[in-house]
Amino acid sequence: MTQFYPNGFVVYSELYYDESGIPIDKNSNGGFAWILKDNLDPNLLFPHKNQIRVLWDLKILKKYIEECEKNEIPTNVHFIFSKIFADLIDPQTEKEVLKMSDFLGYDYVSPDMDFSAVYEAVHTNIYEDMNLDFAKSVKSMVNENGLFKNMEDLETFIKKRQEIINNSCQDIALEKINIVLRINFSQISTNEFFPAQVWKVDIKKLKTFLQDY
């Protein structure tokens, strides 16, 4: 049995934006993570680029959501669990947040939380030239949220994906998917992507919950 630990919150824009800041597309699981830019309050940004980008400080989370609202950026908030242990979310907060959240599924994400290897496999054709059967099987395995419904399916995906990366002779495609990132999180290091359990938090209930912070 895989043990998952609460890591924190990720704020996504509800829409994708082009370089001019114009919304260009809708995404059910959220658009870009951490949409706020450098011209905003520096206390709301992440000073270290090699951190897993999750928020556990509820005061900062509240400010971040408020800044998004000031800039008229519709947002989604996800609550993330992973296999990385971090004693940062107190049990009572975890309990209250889960009451206002819906389980979306299991993902395989980058440390900045802005790239999903599962989303890539489902919504792009990057694997089709390398292994069409794999590309088709992934699309048939994910749930209505575009994520895996259980850890067993995710582990199958991770294993097969790694085999394709190891065996691929297509340098261009390989360059796009074989991204190796070193990250640290509470003095724990890991490589590349990591499995995550994703919950979508009801934004209205969350804002009410954060009023006291």
N, C-alpha and C. Protein backbone atom coordinates (compact mmCIF):
# COMPACT_ATOMS: atom_id res chain seq x y z
N MET A 1 0.85 -1.19 0.00
CA MET A 1 0.00 0.00 0.00
C MET A 1 0.89 1.25 0.00
N THR A 2 0.70 2.10 -1.00
CA THR A 2 1.46 3.34 -1.09
C THR A 2 0.94 4.36 -0.09
N GLN A 3 1.85 4.94 0.69
CA GLN A 3 1.48 5.95 1.67
C GLN A 3 1.64 7.34 1.05
N PHE A 4 0.59 8.14 1.08
CA PHE A 4 0.64 9.50 0.59
C PHE A 4 0.50 10.47 1.77
N TYR A 5 1.23 11.57 1.67
CA TYR A 5 1.23 12.57 2.73
C TYR A 5 0.76 13.91 2.19
N PRO A 6 0.03 14.68 3.00
CA PRO A 6 -0.41 16.00 2.53
C PRO A 6 0.79 16.93 2.37
N ASN A 7 0.93 17.53 1.19
CA ASN A 7 2.05 18.44 0.92
C ASN A 7 1.64 19.90 0.93
N GLY A 8 0.45 20.21 0.38
CA GLY A 8 0.03 21.60 0.35
C GLY A 8 -0.87 21.90 -0.83
N PHE A 9 -1.02 23.19 -1.10
CA PHE A 9 -1.96 23.68 -2.10
C PHE A 9 -1.23 24.16 -3.36
N VAL A 10 -1.91 24.02 -4.49
CA VAL A 10 -1.43 24.59 -5.75
C VAL A 10 -2.55 25.43 -6.32
N VAL A 11 -2.23 26.66 -6.71
CA VAL A 11 -3.23 27.56 -7.31
C VAL A 11 -3.01 27.59 -8.81
N TYR A 12 -4.07 27.26 -9.55
CA TYR A 12 -4.02 27.26 -11.01
C TYR A 12 -4.94 28.36 -11.55
N SER A 13 -4.52 28.94 -12.65
CA SER A 13 -5.46 29.80 -13.36
C SER A 13 -6.51 28.90 -13.99
N GLU A 14 -7.74 29.35 -14.03
CA GLU A 14 -8.81 28.56 -14.63
C GLU A 14 -8.68 28.54 -16.15
N LEU A 15 -7.98 29.52 -16.69
CA LEU A 15 -7.79 29.64 -18.13
C LEU A 15 -6.31 29.63 -18.45
N TYR A 16 -6.00 29.24 -19.69
CA TYR A 16 -4.65 29.44 -20.21
C TYR A 16 -4.54 30.85 -20.76
N TYR A 17 -3.36 31.45 -20.62
CA TYR A 17 -3.14 32.80 -21.12
C TYR A 17 -1.98 32.80 -22.11
N ASP A 18 -2.09 33.65 -23.16
CA ASP A 18 -0.95 33.80 -24.06
C ASP A 18 0.03 34.81 -23.47
N GLU A 19 1.10 35.12 -24.22
CA GLU A 19 2.14 36.01 -23.70
C GLU A 19 1.63 37.42 -23.43
N SER A 20 0.52 37.78 -24.06
CA SER A 20 -0.05 39.10 -23.86
C SER A 20 -1.02 39.15 -22.69
N GLY A 21 -1.23 38.00 -22.05
CA GLY A 21 -2.13 37.95 -20.92
C GLY A 21 -3.58 37.73 -21.31
N ILE A 22 -3.82 37.31 -22.56
CA ILE A 22 -5.19 37.09 -23.04
C ILE A 22 -5.56 35.62 -22.87
N PRO A 23 -6.71 35.32 -22.26
CA PRO A 23 -7.14 33.92 -22.12
C PRO A 23 -7.30 33.27 -23.48
N ILE A 24 -6.76 32.06 -23.64
CA ILE A 24 -6.82 31.40 -24.94
C ILE A 24 -7.52 30.05 -24.91
N ASP A 25 -7.70 29.45 -23.73
CA ASP A 25 -8.30 28.12 -23.73
C ASP A 25 -8.77 27.78 -22.32
N LYS A 26 -9.68 26.83 -22.24
CA LYS A 26 -10.22 26.36 -20.96
C LYS A 26 -9.60 25.00 -20.64
N ASN A 27 -9.36 24.72 -19.40
CA ASN A 27 -8.79 23.44 -19.02
C ASN A 27 -9.46 22.98 -17.74
N SER A 28 -10.05 21.79 -17.77
CA SER A 28 -10.86 21.32 -16.65
C SER A 28 -10.05 21.13 -15.37
N ASN A 29 -8.77 20.82 -15.51
CA ASN A 29 -7.94 20.59 -14.34
C ASN A 29 -7.12 21.82 -13.96
N GLY A 30 -7.42 22.95 -14.56
CA GLY A 30 -6.66 24.15 -14.26
C GLY A 30 -5.70 24.50 -15.38
N GLY A 31 -5.39 25.77 -15.52
CA GLY A 31 -4.46 26.19 -16.55
C GLY A 31 -3.05 26.20 -16.00
N PHE A 32 -2.40 27.36 -15.99
CA PHE A 32 -1.05 27.46 -15.50
C PHE A 32 -1.02 27.53 -13.98
N ALA A 33 -0.06 26.82 -13.38
CA ALA A 33 0.14 26.93 -11.95
C ALA A 33 0.91 28.21 -11.64
N TRP A 34 0.55 28.84 -10.53
CA TRP A 34 1.26 30.01 -10.04
C TRP A 34 1.36 31.08 -11.11
N ILE A 35 0.20 31.61 -11.50
CA ILE A 35 0.10 32.55 -12.60
C ILE A 35 0.63 33.94 -12.27
N LEU A 36 0.72 34.29 -10.98
CA LEU A 36 1.17 35.63 -10.62
C LEU A 36 2.61 35.86 -11.04
N LYS A 37 2.88 37.07 -11.52
CA LYS A 37 4.20 37.39 -12.06
C LYS A 37 5.03 38.23 -11.10
N ASP A 38 6.25 38.53 -11.51
CA ASP A 38 7.22 39.19 -10.64
C ASP A 38 6.83 40.60 -10.23
N ASN A 39 5.91 41.23 -10.95
CA ASN A 39 5.55 42.61 -10.61
C ASN A 39 4.58 42.68 -9.42
N LEU A 40 4.18 41.51 -8.92
CA LEU A 40 3.29 41.49 -7.77
C LEU A 40 4.09 41.32 -6.49
N ASP A 41 3.39 41.23 -5.39
CA ASP A 41 4.01 41.12 -4.08
C ASP A 41 5.05 39.99 -4.06
N PRO A 42 6.33 40.33 -3.85
CA PRO A 42 7.38 39.30 -3.87
C PRO A 42 7.21 38.24 -2.78
N ASN A 43 6.46 38.58 -1.73
CA ASN A 43 6.23 37.60 -0.67
C ASN A 43 5.33 36.45 -1.13
N LEU A 44 4.64 36.64 -2.27
CA LEU A 44 3.76 35.60 -2.78
C LEU A 44 4.45 34.71 -3.80
N LEU A 45 5.71 35.00 -4.09
CA LEU A 45 6.44 34.23 -5.08
C LEU A 45 7.34 33.21 -4.41
N PHE A 46 7.89 32.32 -5.20
CA PHE A 46 8.76 31.28 -4.67
C PHE A 46 10.21 31.67 -4.92
N PRO A 47 10.99 31.90 -3.85
CA PRO A 47 12.35 32.40 -4.03
C PRO A 47 13.32 31.39 -4.60
N HIS A 48 13.03 30.11 -4.46
CA HIS A 48 13.96 29.07 -4.91
C HIS A 48 13.32 28.25 -6.03
N LYS A 49 13.93 28.28 -7.18
CA LYS A 49 13.34 27.62 -8.34
C LYS A 49 13.37 26.10 -8.23
N ASN A 50 14.19 25.56 -7.32
CA ASN A 50 14.28 24.10 -7.23
C ASN A 50 13.37 23.51 -6.17
N GLN A 51 12.41 24.29 -5.67
CA GLN A 51 11.47 23.76 -4.69
C GLN A 51 10.25 23.17 -5.38
N ILE A 52 9.65 22.17 -4.74
CA ILE A 52 8.31 21.76 -5.15
C ILE A 52 7.39 22.91 -4.80
N ARG A 53 6.62 23.37 -5.74
CA ARG A 53 5.84 24.58 -5.52
C ARG A 53 4.46 24.25 -4.96
N VAL A 54 4.41 24.09 -3.68
CA VAL A 54 3.15 23.94 -2.97
C VAL A 54 3.14 24.91 -1.81
N LEU A 55 1.96 25.42 -1.49
CA LEU A 55 1.81 26.31 -0.34
C LEU A 55 1.20 25.55 0.82
N TRP A 56 1.75 25.74 2.00
CA TRP A 56 1.14 25.16 3.20
C TRP A 56 0.78 26.25 4.20
N ASP A 57 1.30 27.46 3.98
CA ASP A 57 0.98 28.59 4.84
C ASP A 57 -0.37 29.17 4.42
N LEU A 58 -1.38 29.05 5.27
CA LEU A 58 -2.73 29.46 4.90
C LEU A 58 -2.85 30.97 4.73
N LYS A 59 -2.05 31.74 5.45
CA LYS A 59 -2.08 33.19 5.29
C LYS A 59 -1.59 33.59 3.89
N ILE A 60 -0.52 32.95 3.44
CA ILE A 60 0.00 33.25 2.11
C ILE A 60 -0.95 32.74 1.04
N LEU A 61 -1.55 31.58 1.27
CA LEU A 61 -2.54 31.06 0.32
C LEU A 61 -3.68 32.05 0.16
N LYS A 62 -4.16 32.58 1.27
CA LYS A 62 -5.25 33.56 1.22
C LYS A 62 -4.83 34.78 0.42
N LYS A 63 -3.62 35.29 0.66
CA LYS A 63 -3.13 36.46 -0.07
C LYS A 63 -2.99 36.17 -1.56
N TYR A 64 -2.54 34.97 -1.86
CA TYR A 64 -2.33 34.60 -3.27
C TYR A 64 -3.66 34.60 -4.02
N ILE A 65 -4.68 34.01 -3.41
CA ILE A 65 -6.01 33.97 -4.03
C ILE A 65 -6.55 35.39 -4.18
N GLU A 66 -6.35 36.21 -3.16
CA GLU A 66 -6.82 37.60 -3.23
C GLU A 66 -6.12 38.37 -4.34
N GLU A 67 -4.83 38.14 -4.54
CA GLU A 67 -4.09 38.81 -5.61
C GLU A 67 -4.61 38.37 -6.98
N CYS A 68 -4.93 37.09 -7.11
CA CYS A 68 -5.50 36.60 -8.36
C CYS A 68 -6.83 37.29 -8.64
N GLU A 69 -7.65 37.45 -7.61
CA GLU A 69 -8.94 38.11 -7.78
C GLU A 69 -8.77 39.58 -8.16
N LYS A 70 -7.79 40.25 -7.55
CA LYS A 70 -7.52 41.65 -7.90
C LYS A 70 -7.15 41.79 -9.37
N ASN A 71 -6.46 40.79 -9.88
CA ASN A 71 -6.02 40.82 -11.28
C ASN A 71 -7.01 40.11 -12.21
N GLU A 72 -8.20 39.82 -11.66
CA GLU A 72 -9.29 39.21 -12.44
C GLU A 72 -8.86 37.90 -13.11
N ILE A 73 -8.14 37.08 -12.33
CA ILE A 73 -7.71 35.77 -12.82
C ILE A 73 -8.54 34.70 -12.12
N PRO A 74 -9.49 34.07 -12.82
CA PRO A 74 -10.26 32.97 -12.21
C PRO A 74 -9.32 31.83 -11.84
N THR A 75 -9.50 31.25 -10.67
CA THR A 75 -8.55 30.24 -10.20
C THR A 75 -9.22 28.95 -9.75
N ASN A 76 -8.45 27.89 -9.81
CA ASN A 76 -8.76 26.62 -9.18
C ASN A 76 -7.69 26.34 -8.15
N VAL A 77 -8.04 25.67 -7.07
CA VAL A 77 -7.06 25.30 -6.05
C VAL A 77 -7.09 23.79 -5.88
N HIS A 78 -5.92 23.18 -5.96
CA HIS A 78 -5.80 21.75 -5.74
C HIS A 78 -5.04 21.50 -4.44
N PHE A 79 -5.43 20.45 -3.75
CA PHE A 79 -4.74 20.01 -2.54
C PHE A 79 -3.97 18.76 -2.91
N ILE A 80 -2.65 18.78 -2.68
CA ILE A 80 -1.77 17.75 -3.20
C ILE A 80 -1.24 16.85 -2.09
N PHE A 81 -1.32 15.55 -2.34
CA PHE A 81 -0.67 14.55 -1.51
C PHE A 81 0.42 13.88 -2.37
N SER A 82 1.54 13.54 -1.75
CA SER A 82 2.55 12.78 -2.48
C SER A 82 3.23 11.81 -1.53
N LYS A 83 4.18 11.05 -2.05
CA LYS A 83 4.91 10.09 -1.24
C LYS A 83 6.04 10.76 -0.46
N ILE A 84 6.20 12.07 -0.67
CA ILE A 84 7.22 12.83 0.05
C ILE A 84 6.64 13.27 1.39
N PHE A 85 7.24 12.82 2.47
CA PHE A 85 6.75 13.17 3.79
C PHE A 85 7.16 14.59 4.14
N ALA A 86 6.19 15.37 4.58
CA ALA A 86 6.47 16.74 5.03
C ALA A 86 5.45 17.08 6.11
N ASP A 87 5.94 17.34 7.30
CA ASP A 87 5.07 17.60 8.44
C ASP A 87 4.72 19.09 8.48
N LEU A 88 3.95 19.53 7.47
CA LEU A 88 3.67 20.95 7.31
C LEU A 88 2.18 21.28 7.41
N ILE A 89 1.32 20.33 7.11
CA ILE A 89 -0.13 20.53 7.20
C ILE A 89 -0.63 19.85 8.46
N ASP A 90 -1.23 20.63 9.36
CA ASP A 90 -1.70 20.01 10.58
C ASP A 90 -2.93 19.15 10.29
N PRO A 91 -3.15 18.10 11.06
CA PRO A 91 -4.24 17.15 10.81
C PRO A 91 -5.62 17.80 10.74
N GLN A 92 -5.88 18.81 11.55
CA GLN A 92 -7.18 19.46 11.55
C GLN A 92 -7.41 20.22 10.24
N THR A 93 -6.38 20.91 9.75
CA THR A 93 -6.49 21.60 8.46
C THR A 93 -6.73 20.61 7.34
N GLU A 94 -5.99 19.52 7.35
CA GLU A 94 -6.17 18.48 6.34
C GLU A 94 -7.61 17.97 6.35
N LYS A 95 -8.13 17.70 7.53
CA LYS A 95 -9.50 17.19 7.68
C LYS A 95 -10.52 18.18 7.13
N GLU A 96 -10.37 19.46 7.47
CA GLU A 96 -11.32 20.47 7.02
C GLU A 96 -11.25 20.68 5.51
N VAL A 97 -10.04 20.67 4.97
CA VAL A 97 -9.88 20.88 3.52
C VAL A 97 -10.48 19.72 2.74
N LEU A 98 -10.29 18.51 3.21
CA LEU A 98 -10.84 17.35 2.50
C LEU A 98 -12.37 17.37 2.49
N LYS A 99 -12.97 17.95 3.51
CA LYS A 99 -14.43 18.06 3.56
C LYS A 99 -14.96 18.90 2.42
N MET A 100 -14.16 19.86 1.96
CA MET A 100 -14.59 20.78 0.90
C MET A 100 -13.95 20.45 -0.45
N SER A 101 -13.44 19.22 -0.58
CA SER A 101 -12.70 18.85 -1.79
C SER A 101 -13.26 17.59 -2.44
N ASP A 102 -13.04 17.49 -3.73
CA ASP A 102 -13.40 16.30 -4.50
C ASP A 102 -12.12 15.66 -5.04
N PHE A 103 -12.04 14.33 -4.92
CA PHE A 103 -10.86 13.62 -5.40
C PHE A 103 -10.88 13.58 -6.93
N LEU A 104 -9.80 14.05 -7.55
CA LEU A 104 -9.71 14.06 -9.01
C LEU A 104 -9.02 12.82 -9.55
N GLY A 105 -7.97 12.35 -8.88
CA GLY A 105 -7.26 11.18 -9.35
C GLY A 105 -5.77 11.27 -9.05
N TYR A 106 -5.02 10.34 -9.67
CA TYR A 106 -3.58 10.27 -9.47
C TYR A 106 -2.86 10.84 -10.69
N ASP A 107 -1.86 11.67 -10.42
CA ASP A 107 -1.13 12.35 -11.48
C ASP A 107 0.36 12.04 -11.34
N TYR A 108 1.13 12.44 -12.34
CA TYR A 108 2.58 12.29 -12.34
C TYR A 108 3.13 13.64 -12.76
N VAL A 109 3.62 14.44 -11.81
CA VAL A 109 3.82 15.86 -12.04
C VAL A 109 5.27 16.29 -11.84
N SER A 110 5.56 17.49 -12.39
CA SER A 110 6.88 18.08 -12.24
C SER A 110 6.94 18.86 -10.93
N PRO A 111 8.13 19.16 -10.45
CA PRO A 111 8.26 19.86 -9.17
C PRO A 111 7.57 21.22 -9.12
N ASP A 112 7.46 21.92 -10.26
CA ASP A 112 6.79 23.22 -10.22
C ASP A 112 5.28 23.09 -10.31
N MET A 113 4.79 21.85 -10.42
CA MET A 113 3.36 21.55 -10.45
C MET A 113 2.67 22.11 -11.69
N ASP A 114 3.44 22.51 -12.68
CA ASP A 114 2.87 23.11 -13.88
C ASP A 114 2.98 22.19 -15.09
N PHE A 115 3.43 20.96 -14.87
CA PHE A 115 3.55 20.01 -15.97
C PHE A 115 3.13 18.64 -15.50
N SER A 116 2.20 18.04 -16.23
CA SER A 116 1.71 16.70 -15.92
C SER A 116 2.08 15.75 -17.03
N ALA A 117 2.82 14.69 -16.69
CA ALA A 117 3.16 13.68 -17.69
C ALA A 117 1.92 12.92 -18.14
N VAL A 118 0.91 12.83 -17.27
CA VAL A 118 -0.34 12.16 -17.64
C VAL A 118 -1.10 13.03 -18.64
N TYR A 119 -1.20 14.33 -18.35
CA TYR A 119 -1.86 15.25 -19.29
C TYR A 119 -1.17 15.21 -20.63
N GLU A 120 0.16 15.19 -20.64
CA GLU A 120 0.93 15.13 -21.87
C GLU A 120 0.57 13.89 -22.69
N ALA A 121 0.46 12.75 -22.00
CA ALA A 121 0.17 11.50 -22.69
C ALA A 121 -1.25 11.46 -23.25
N VAL A 122 -2.18 12.11 -22.54
CA VAL A 122 -3.59 12.06 -22.95
C VAL A 122 -3.91 13.10 -24.03
N HIS A 123 -3.34 14.29 -23.90
CA HIS A 123 -3.77 15.41 -24.73
C HIS A 123 -2.78 15.82 -25.82
N THR A 124 -1.64 15.14 -25.92
CA THR A 124 -0.72 15.44 -27.01
C THR A 124 -0.42 14.13 -27.74
N ASN A 125 0.26 14.23 -28.87
CA ASN A 125 0.59 13.03 -29.65
C ASN A 125 2.06 12.66 -29.50
N ILE A 126 2.69 13.09 -28.42
CA ILE A 126 4.12 12.89 -28.27
C ILE A 126 4.53 11.42 -28.24
N TYR A 127 3.64 10.54 -27.74
CA TYR A 127 3.99 9.12 -27.66
C TYR A 127 3.54 8.32 -28.87
N GLU A 128 2.69 8.87 -29.71
CA GLU A 128 2.06 8.08 -30.76
C GLU A 128 3.06 7.54 -31.77
N ASP A 129 4.09 8.31 -32.12
CA ASP A 129 5.08 7.83 -33.08
C ASP A 129 6.02 6.81 -32.46
N MET A 130 6.15 6.84 -31.13
CA MET A 130 7.05 5.91 -30.47
C MET A 130 6.35 4.61 -30.08
N ASN A 131 5.11 4.73 -29.64
CA ASN A 131 4.38 3.55 -29.20
C ASN A 131 2.89 3.86 -29.23
N LEU A 132 2.25 3.57 -30.33
CA LEU A 132 0.85 3.92 -30.52
C LEU A 132 -0.05 3.17 -29.52
N ASP A 133 0.28 1.90 -29.26
CA ASP A 133 -0.53 1.13 -28.32
C ASP A 133 -0.51 1.75 -26.93
N PHE A 134 0.65 2.22 -26.51
CA PHE A 134 0.77 2.87 -25.21
C PHE A 134 -0.07 4.14 -25.17
N ALA A 135 0.01 4.93 -26.23
CA ALA A 135 -0.76 6.17 -26.28
C ALA A 135 -2.25 5.89 -26.18
N LYS A 136 -2.72 4.87 -26.87
CA LYS A 136 -4.13 4.51 -26.83
C LYS A 136 -4.53 3.98 -25.45
N SER A 137 -3.67 3.17 -24.85
CA SER A 137 -4.01 2.56 -23.56
C SER A 137 -4.13 3.60 -22.47
N VAL A 138 -3.26 4.61 -22.51
CA VAL A 138 -3.32 5.67 -21.49
C VAL A 138 -4.66 6.39 -21.57
N LYS A 139 -5.07 6.73 -22.78
CA LYS A 139 -6.32 7.47 -22.96
C LYS A 139 -7.53 6.65 -22.51
N SER A 140 -7.42 5.33 -22.60
CA SER A 140 -8.53 4.48 -22.18
C SER A 140 -8.55 4.23 -20.67
N MET A 141 -7.41 4.48 -20.01
CA MET A 141 -7.29 4.17 -18.59
C MET A 141 -7.67 5.34 -17.68
N VAL A 142 -7.55 6.57 -18.18
CA VAL A 142 -7.79 7.71 -17.30
C VAL A 142 -9.28 7.93 -17.07
N ASN A 143 -9.60 8.62 -15.98
CA ASN A 143 -11.00 8.91 -15.66
C ASN A 143 -11.47 10.19 -16.33
N GLU A 144 -12.65 10.66 -15.97
CA GLU A 144 -13.24 11.84 -16.60
C GLU A 144 -12.44 13.11 -16.31
N ASN A 145 -11.56 13.06 -15.32
CA ASN A 145 -10.72 14.21 -15.01
C ASN A 145 -9.38 14.17 -15.72
N GLY A 146 -9.17 13.13 -16.53
CA GLY A 146 -7.91 12.99 -17.23
C GLY A 146 -6.78 12.49 -16.36
N LEU A 147 -7.13 11.85 -15.22
CA LEU A 147 -6.14 11.31 -14.30
C LEU A 147 -6.44 9.84 -14.05
N PHE A 148 -5.50 9.15 -13.41
CA PHE A 148 -5.72 7.73 -13.12
C PHE A 148 -6.56 7.56 -11.87
N LYS A 149 -7.45 6.60 -11.90
CA LYS A 149 -8.38 6.40 -10.78
C LYS A 149 -7.74 5.67 -9.61
N ASN A 150 -6.63 4.97 -9.85
CA ASN A 150 -5.97 4.28 -8.74
C ASN A 150 -4.46 4.26 -8.96
N MET A 151 -3.74 3.96 -7.89
CA MET A 151 -2.28 3.99 -7.93
C MET A 151 -1.72 2.88 -8.80
N GLU A 152 -2.41 1.76 -8.88
CA GLU A 152 -1.93 0.65 -9.70
C GLU A 152 -1.83 1.05 -11.17
N ASP A 153 -2.85 1.75 -11.67
CA ASP A 153 -2.81 2.20 -13.06
C ASP A 153 -1.71 3.23 -13.28
N LEU A 154 -1.50 4.10 -12.29
CA LEU A 154 -0.44 5.09 -12.41
C LEU A 154 0.92 4.42 -12.44
N GLU A 155 1.13 3.41 -11.60
CA GLU A 155 2.42 2.72 -11.58
C GLU A 155 2.67 2.00 -12.90
N THR A 156 1.63 1.45 -13.51
CA THR A 156 1.76 0.82 -14.83
C THR A 156 2.19 1.85 -15.86
N PHE A 157 1.57 3.02 -15.81
CA PHE A 157 1.91 4.11 -16.72
C PHE A 157 3.37 4.55 -16.54
N ILE A 158 3.79 4.73 -15.29
CA ILE A 158 5.15 5.19 -15.01
C ILE A 158 6.18 4.19 -15.54
N LYS A 159 5.93 2.90 -15.30
CA LYS A 159 6.86 1.86 -15.74
C LYS A 159 6.96 1.82 -17.26
N LYS A 160 5.82 1.85 -17.93
CA LYS A 160 5.82 1.78 -19.39
C LYS A 160 6.42 3.04 -19.99
N ARG A 161 6.11 4.17 -19.42
CA ARG A 161 6.66 5.44 -19.92
C ARG A 161 8.19 5.43 -19.84
N GLN A 162 8.72 4.92 -18.72
CA GLN A 162 10.16 4.87 -18.56
C GLN A 162 10.80 3.92 -19.56
N GLU A 163 10.13 2.81 -19.84
CA GLU A 163 10.64 1.87 -20.85
C GLU A 163 10.74 2.54 -22.21
N ILE A 164 9.71 3.32 -22.56
CA ILE A 164 9.71 4.01 -23.84
C ILE A 164 10.83 5.04 -23.90
N ILE A 165 11.03 5.76 -22.81
CA ILE A 165 12.12 6.74 -22.76
C ILE A 165 13.46 6.04 -22.92
N ASN A 166 13.65 4.92 -22.23
CA ASN A 166 14.93 4.22 -22.28
C ASN A 166 15.20 3.63 -23.65
N ASN A 167 14.15 3.19 -24.34
CA ASN A 167 14.31 2.50 -25.61
C ASN A 167 14.21 3.41 -26.83
N SER A 168 13.76 4.63 -26.62
CA SER A 168 13.51 5.51 -27.75
C SER A 168 14.81 5.94 -28.41
N CYS A 169 14.76 5.94 -29.74
CA CYS A 169 15.90 6.44 -30.53
C CYS A 169 15.58 7.78 -31.15
N GLN A 170 14.42 8.32 -30.84
CA GLN A 170 13.99 9.57 -31.44
C GLN A 170 14.41 10.71 -30.52
N ASP A 171 15.52 11.32 -30.85
CA ASP A 171 16.14 12.30 -29.96
C ASP A 171 15.24 13.49 -29.68
N ILE A 172 14.50 13.97 -30.67
CA ILE A 172 13.69 15.16 -30.48
C ILE A 172 12.57 14.88 -29.49
N ALA A 173 11.87 13.77 -29.71
CA ALA A 173 10.79 13.42 -28.79
C ALA A 173 11.34 13.10 -27.41
N LEU A 174 12.47 12.42 -27.38
CA LEU A 174 13.07 12.04 -26.11
C LEU A 174 13.44 13.26 -25.30
N GLU A 175 13.93 14.28 -25.99
CA GLU A 175 14.33 15.51 -25.31
C GLU A 175 13.15 16.15 -24.60
N LYS A 176 11.96 16.00 -25.17
CA LYS A 176 10.77 16.64 -24.61
C LYS A 176 10.26 15.94 -23.36
N ILE A 177 10.44 14.62 -23.28
CA ILE A 177 9.82 13.89 -22.19
C ILE A 177 10.80 13.39 -21.13
N ASN A 178 12.08 13.28 -21.50
CA ASN A 178 13.05 12.77 -20.54
C ASN A 178 13.68 13.94 -19.80
N ILE A 179 12.86 14.66 -19.06
CA ILE A 179 13.31 15.82 -18.30
C ILE A 179 13.75 15.35 -16.92
N VAL A 180 14.97 15.65 -16.55
CA VAL A 180 15.47 15.28 -15.24
C VAL A 180 15.64 16.54 -14.41
N LEU A 181 14.90 16.63 -13.33
CA LEU A 181 14.95 17.79 -12.46
C LEU A 181 15.30 17.35 -11.05
N ARG A 182 16.21 18.07 -10.43
CA ARG A 182 16.52 17.78 -9.03
C ARG A 182 15.78 18.78 -8.16
N ILE A 183 15.07 18.28 -7.21
CA ILE A 183 14.28 19.16 -6.36
C ILE A 183 14.56 18.83 -4.91
N ASN A 184 14.27 19.76 -4.05
CA ASN A 184 14.37 19.45 -2.63
C ASN A 184 13.10 19.91 -1.93
N PHE A 185 12.73 19.19 -0.92
CA PHE A 185 11.49 19.48 -0.21
C PHE A 185 11.71 19.03 1.22
N SER A 186 11.83 20.00 2.12
CA SER A 186 12.13 19.68 3.51
C SER A 186 13.32 18.74 3.63
N GLN A 187 14.38 19.08 2.90
CA GLN A 187 15.64 18.35 2.93
C GLN A 187 15.54 16.95 2.33
N ILE A 188 14.49 16.71 1.54
CA ILE A 188 14.36 15.42 0.87
C ILE A 188 14.48 15.66 -0.63
N SER A 189 15.33 14.90 -1.31
CA SER A 189 15.53 15.09 -2.74
C SER A 189 14.88 13.96 -3.53
N THR A 190 14.46 14.29 -4.72
CA THR A 190 13.90 13.29 -5.63
C THR A 190 14.26 13.69 -7.05
N ASN A 191 14.03 12.84 -8.02
CA ASN A 191 14.38 13.12 -9.40
C ASN A 191 13.14 13.17 -10.27
N GLU A 192 13.19 13.96 -11.31
CA GLU A 192 12.20 14.02 -12.36
C GLU A 192 10.81 14.25 -11.80
N PHE A 193 9.81 13.55 -12.33
CA PHE A 193 8.43 13.71 -11.88
C PHE A 193 8.16 12.86 -10.64
N PHE A 194 7.02 13.12 -10.00
CA PHE A 194 6.67 12.31 -8.84
C PHE A 194 5.16 12.08 -8.81
N PRO A 195 4.73 10.93 -8.28
CA PRO A 195 3.30 10.64 -8.19
C PRO A 195 2.61 11.58 -7.22
N ALA A 196 1.39 11.98 -7.56
CA ALA A 196 0.64 12.88 -6.69
C ALA A 196 -0.83 12.48 -6.67
N GLN A 197 -1.43 12.62 -5.53
CA GLN A 197 -2.87 12.43 -5.37
C GLN A 197 -3.48 13.83 -5.37
N VAL A 198 -4.44 14.07 -6.25
CA VAL A 198 -4.93 15.43 -6.49
C VAL A 198 -6.38 15.57 -6.06
N TRP A 199 -6.64 16.59 -5.25
CA TRP A 199 -7.99 16.92 -4.81
C TRP A 199 -8.31 18.34 -5.25
N LYS A 200 -9.49 18.55 -5.80
CA LYS A 200 -9.92 19.90 -6.18
C LYS A 200 -10.73 20.50 -5.05
N VAL A 201 -10.28 21.66 -4.56
CA VAL A 201 -10.91 22.31 -3.43
C VAL A 201 -11.99 23.28 -3.92
N ASP A 202 -13.14 23.25 -3.27
CA ASP A 202 -14.20 24.20 -3.58
C ASP A 202 -13.72 25.60 -3.20
N ILE A 203 -13.53 26.45 -4.19
CA ILE A 203 -12.90 27.74 -3.95
C ILE A 203 -13.74 28.64 -3.03
N LYS A 204 -15.06 28.58 -3.15
CA LYS A 204 -15.92 29.40 -2.30
C LYS A 204 -15.81 28.97 -0.84
N LYS A 205 -15.86 27.68 -0.60
CA LYS A 205 -15.74 27.17 0.76
C LYS A 205 -14.35 27.45 1.32
N LEU A 206 -13.34 27.35 0.46
CA LEU A 206 -11.99 27.60 0.92
C LEU A 206 -11.82 29.05 1.35
N LYS A 207 -12.36 29.98 0.59
CA LYS A 207 -12.24 31.40 0.94
C LYS A 207 -12.95 31.69 2.27
N THR A 208 -14.07 31.02 2.50
CA THR A 208 -14.76 31.18 3.79
C THR A 208 -13.89 30.63 4.92
N PHE A 209 -13.28 29.49 4.69
CA PHE A 209 -12.41 28.86 5.67
C PHE A 209 -11.21 29.75 5.99
N LEU A 210 -10.69 30.47 4.98
CA LEU A 210 -9.50 31.29 5.15
C LEU A 210 -9.77 32.66 5.76
N GLN A 211 -11.02 32.99 5.99
CA GLN A 211 -11.36 34.31 6.51
C GLN A 211 -10.69 34.61 7.85
N ASP A 212 -10.46 33.59 8.63
CA ASP A 212 -9.88 33.78 9.95
C ASP A 212 -8.35 33.87 9.93
N TYR A 213 -7.77 33.80 8.73
CA TYR A 213 -6.30 33.80 8.63
C TYR A 213 -5.80 35.13 8.07
